[in-house]
Amino acid sequence: MSNILVKRAWRTQLPSTQKLLLLALAEQAGDSGDAMHACWPTIDRLAEVCGVTRMTISVALNALEARGLVTRQRRAQSSSIYRLHLEAEAA
């Protein structure tokens, strides 16, 4: 868990579903090495943790990507890798 990213996610102004998803990703992201600011939960797991549908997660992920807060690296037959881009100045 990245406490730094979770704190930054809390400070980021977003609609509630996007913020909840960003917090879920930040909670799973690492702080060091190759896993820096990255995590790889499945869409099903994110939907379960956030208490929403897979479609809601997909829409929220697209919005976070469009804002530049998350980049997604899709992998064949596996969960995607999500990298968080939360700056210290997030308001």
C-alpha atoms as a PDB file:
ATOM      1  CA  MET A   1       0.000   0.000   0.000  1.00  0.00           C
ATOM      2  CA  SER A   2       1.183   3.477  -0.800  1.00  0.00           C
ATOM      3  CA  ASN A   3       0.221   5.900   1.953  1.00  0.00           C
ATOM      4  CA  ILE A   4       1.651   8.747  -0.125  1.00  0.00           C
ATOM      5  CA  LEU A   5      -0.585   7.942  -3.082  1.00  0.00           C
ATOM      6  CA  VAL A   6      -3.648   7.433  -0.897  1.00  0.00           C
ATOM      7  CA  LYS A   7      -3.135  10.883   0.662  1.00  0.00           C
ATOM      8  CA  ARG A   8      -2.688  12.449  -2.767  1.00  0.00           C
ATOM      9  CA  ALA A   9      -5.784  10.664  -4.081  1.00  0.00           C
ATOM     10  CA  TRP A  10      -7.831  12.084  -1.196  1.00  0.00           C
ATOM     11  CA  ARG A  11      -6.686  15.603  -2.149  1.00  0.00           C
ATOM     12  CA  THR A  12      -7.584  15.187  -5.824  1.00  0.00           C
ATOM     13  CA  GLN A  13     -10.874  16.814  -6.822  1.00  0.00           C
ATOM     14  CA  LEU A  14     -12.915  14.195  -8.697  1.00  0.00           C
ATOM     15  CA  PRO A  15     -16.481  12.926  -8.983  1.00  0.00           C
ATOM     16  CA  SER A  16     -17.189  10.337  -6.285  1.00  0.00           C
ATOM     17  CA  THR A  17     -16.885   7.166  -8.381  1.00  0.00           C
ATOM     18  CA  GLN A  18     -13.607   8.273  -9.934  1.00  0.00           C
ATOM     19  CA  LYS A  19     -12.219   9.209  -6.522  1.00  0.00           C
ATOM     20  CA  LEU A  20     -13.282   5.871  -5.033  1.00  0.00           C
ATOM     21  CA  LEU A  21     -11.574   4.020  -7.880  1.00  0.00           C
ATOM     22  CA  LEU A  22      -8.440   6.167  -7.594  1.00  0.00           C
ATOM     23  CA  LEU A  23      -8.313   5.419  -3.866  1.00  0.00           C
ATOM     24  CA  ALA A  24      -8.722   1.682  -4.531  1.00  0.00           C
ATOM     25  CA  LEU A  25      -5.843   1.771  -7.012  1.00  0.00           C
ATOM     26  CA  ALA A  26      -3.662   3.904  -4.717  1.00  0.00           C
ATOM     27  CA  GLU A  27      -4.258   1.479  -1.862  1.00  0.00           C
ATOM     28  CA  GLN A  28      -2.833  -1.353  -3.964  1.00  0.00           C
ATOM     29  CA  ALA A  29       0.058   0.550  -5.570  1.00  0.00           C
ATOM     30  CA  GLY A  30       3.672   0.161  -4.538  1.00  0.00           C
ATOM     31  CA  ASP A  31       6.202   2.798  -3.523  1.00  0.00           C
ATOM     32  CA  SER A  32       9.500   1.270  -4.624  1.00  0.00           C
ATOM     33  CA  GLY A  33      11.336  -0.633  -7.308  1.00  0.00           C
ATOM     34  CA  ASP A  34       9.671  -1.720 -10.544  1.00  0.00           C
ATOM     35  CA  ALA A  35       6.252  -1.545  -8.886  1.00  0.00           C
ATOM     36  CA  MET A  36       6.561   2.184  -8.203  1.00  0.00           C
ATOM     37  CA  HIS A  37       3.080   3.673  -8.339  1.00  0.00           C
ATOM     38  CA  ALA A  38       1.785   0.574 -10.132  1.00  0.00           C
ATOM     39  CA  CYS A  39      -0.743  -2.143  -9.394  1.00  0.00           C
ATOM     40  CA  TRP A  40      -2.550  -4.816 -11.391  1.00  0.00           C
ATOM     41  CA  PRO A  41      -5.977  -5.651  -9.935  1.00  0.00           C
ATOM     42  CA  THR A  42      -8.617  -7.168 -12.206  1.00  0.00           C
ATOM     43  CA  ILE A  43     -11.694  -5.206 -13.243  1.00  0.00           C
ATOM     44  CA  ASP A  44     -13.773  -7.725 -11.271  1.00  0.00           C
ATOM     45  CA  ARG A  45     -11.714  -7.075  -8.135  1.00  0.00           C
ATOM     46  CA  LEU A  46     -11.997  -3.299  -8.534  1.00  0.00           C
ATOM     47  CA  ALA A  47     -15.756  -3.586  -9.029  1.00  0.00           C
ATOM     48  CA  GLU A  48     -16.037  -5.743  -5.913  1.00  0.00           C
ATOM     49  CA  VAL A  49     -13.906  -3.423  -3.756  1.00  0.00           C
ATOM     50  CA  CYS A  50     -15.732  -0.296  -4.952  1.00  0.00           C
ATOM     51  CA  GLY A  51     -19.186  -1.869  -4.809  1.00  0.00           C
ATOM     52  CA  VAL A  52     -20.045  -0.974  -8.401  1.00  0.00           C
ATOM     53  CA  THR A  53     -20.454  -2.737 -11.750  1.00  0.00           C
ATOM     54  CA  ARG A  54     -17.702  -3.628 -14.204  1.00  0.00           C
ATOM     55  CA  MET A  55     -19.149  -1.035 -16.595  1.00  0.00           C
ATOM     56  CA  THR A  56     -18.907   1.680 -13.920  1.00  0.00           C
ATOM     57  CA  ILE A  57     -15.254   0.767 -13.351  1.00  0.00           C
ATOM     58  CA  SER A  58     -14.549   0.906 -17.087  1.00  0.00           C
ATOM     59  CA  VAL A  59     -16.154   4.336 -17.427  1.00  0.00           C
ATOM     60  CA  ALA A  60     -14.298   5.661 -14.364  1.00  0.00           C
ATOM     61  CA  LEU A  61     -10.965   4.223 -15.586  1.00  0.00           C
ATOM     62  CA  ASN A  62     -11.448   5.909 -18.961  1.00  0.00           C
ATOM     63  CA  ALA A  63     -12.129   9.217 -17.191  1.00  0.00           C
ATOM     64  CA  LEU A  64      -9.038   8.862 -14.972  1.00  0.00           C
ATOM     65  CA  GLU A  65      -6.943   8.071 -18.046  1.00  0.00           C
ATOM     66  CA  ALA A  66      -8.341  11.095 -19.873  1.00  0.00           C
ATOM     67  CA  ARG A  67      -7.364  13.295 -16.906  1.00  0.00           C
ATOM     68  CA  GLY A  68      -3.837  11.856 -16.961  1.00  0.00           C
ATOM     69  CA  LEU A  69      -4.127  10.440 -13.440  1.00  0.00           C
ATOM     70  CA  VAL A  70      -3.796   6.804 -14.512  1.00  0.00           C
ATOM     71  CA  THR A  71      -2.181   5.018 -17.417  1.00  0.00           C
ATOM     72  CA  ARG A  72      -3.192   1.504 -18.274  1.00  0.00           C
ATOM     73  CA  GLN A  73      -0.987  -1.123 -19.873  1.00  0.00           C
ATOM     74  CA  ARG A  74      -3.213  -3.877 -21.187  1.00  0.00           C
ATOM     75  CA  ARG A  75      -1.851  -7.416 -21.107  1.00  0.00           C
ATOM     76  CA  ALA A  76      -3.170 -10.499 -22.903  1.00  0.00           C
ATOM     77  CA  GLN A  77      -4.977 -12.977 -20.657  1.00  0.00           C
ATOM     78  CA  SER A  78      -4.082 -11.088 -17.499  1.00  0.00           C
ATOM     79  CA  SER A  79      -5.067  -8.021 -15.562  1.00  0.00           C
ATOM     80  CA  SER A  80      -3.851  -4.661 -16.817  1.00  0.00           C
ATOM     81  CA  ILE A  81      -1.065  -2.762 -15.113  1.00  0.00           C
ATOM     82  CA  TYR A  82      -2.210   0.601 -13.773  1.00  0.00           C
ATOM     83  CA  ARG A  83       0.308   3.375 -13.075  1.00  0.00           C
ATOM     84  CA  LEU A  84      -0.808   6.307 -10.979  1.00  0.00           C
ATOM     85  CA  HIS A  85       0.348   9.826 -11.748  1.00  0.00           C
ATOM     86  CA  LEU A  86      -0.513  11.828  -8.652  1.00  0.00           C
ATOM     87  CA  GLU A  87       1.617  14.861  -8.065  1.00  0.00           C
ATOM     88  CA  ALA A  88       2.337  16.267  -4.624  1.00  0.00           C
ATOM     89  CA  GLU A  89       0.503  19.461  -5.595  1.00  0.00           C
ATOM     90  CA  ALA A  90      -2.832  17.687  -6.219  1.00  0.00           C
ATOM     91  CA  ALA A  91      -5.498  19.956  -4.834  1.00  0.00           C
END
